[in-house]
């Protein structure tokens, strides 16, 4: 099996599914110590710096010129906007809920592909699947029995996550369409370092809450650096370069299940029949989109 040409890409995809599912919990733990902008900036400056230092020591090819600009540009959208908005969202909503909402990301992937030149146009079955998935997401905002108000922080978190997904989707597709000479993992390291450095001035000048040092928060940050970024994001960059987008986009399914389970286990985050129904409907909508969306030429 290990000799199959797609063995490594599928193994990398499995790593994305597992490790990124755990990062929702790790982000919540790290936020107990670090403010959002500082957390994202420190995480990606460390991970990108470590990876590029290793690549330079090994004499590996590093992006330059146009390739460097593409990696930095896509890194800004994927990580500065994509992951940055996710971190802010987790200050408003539970980590498992964030993982569940992120499962709507294939809708943005398909939509972005349709809007960009050469992408496959949307057709009725795909639009129908997106409508089903969004209906599932709307269930999350249904007031509980005896209540008539939608929780404002949940709506704010949902909108932040849509901003996050949009940035992540555009950056991923842009990087895929403009792949350069450097290995995808090295390009991913450049994306991480660029994202960390771009956010550093904002983290230093915007007055967030001070860092409250704790062993658990620091360990959570280190977990995000090594397993979320160096392993997880490198695996993601690799599979985006080796596998079709439709296959890669299954990772939010597994991430959501892992995030919900860990959120309940460590923080007793609420997950009842309403959330379970919403998850089932969202998954059904994503399945329809994946079933009827043809890959772009």
Foldseek 3Di string as FASTA:
>chain_A
DCPPPCPLLVVLLVLLLPLLLCLLVLLLLLCVFDPLLLLLLVQLQVLLVVVVVVCVVVVADADDDPLLVLLLVLLCLQRLQQVSLLSVLCVLAFSLLSLLLLLLLVVLLLVVQQPDPQRDHDDDLLVVLNVLLVVLVVLVQDDDPPDDDGDPSNVVSSVSNVRNSNSNNVSLVSCLVDPDDGQLLSSLSSSSSSSSVVSVVVSVPPDDPHGDDDPSSVVSSVSCNVSVRNSNSSSLSNSSNPDAPLVSSCSSLSSSVSNNVVSCVPVVRDDDPSNVSSSVSNVSSSVSNSVPGDGGD
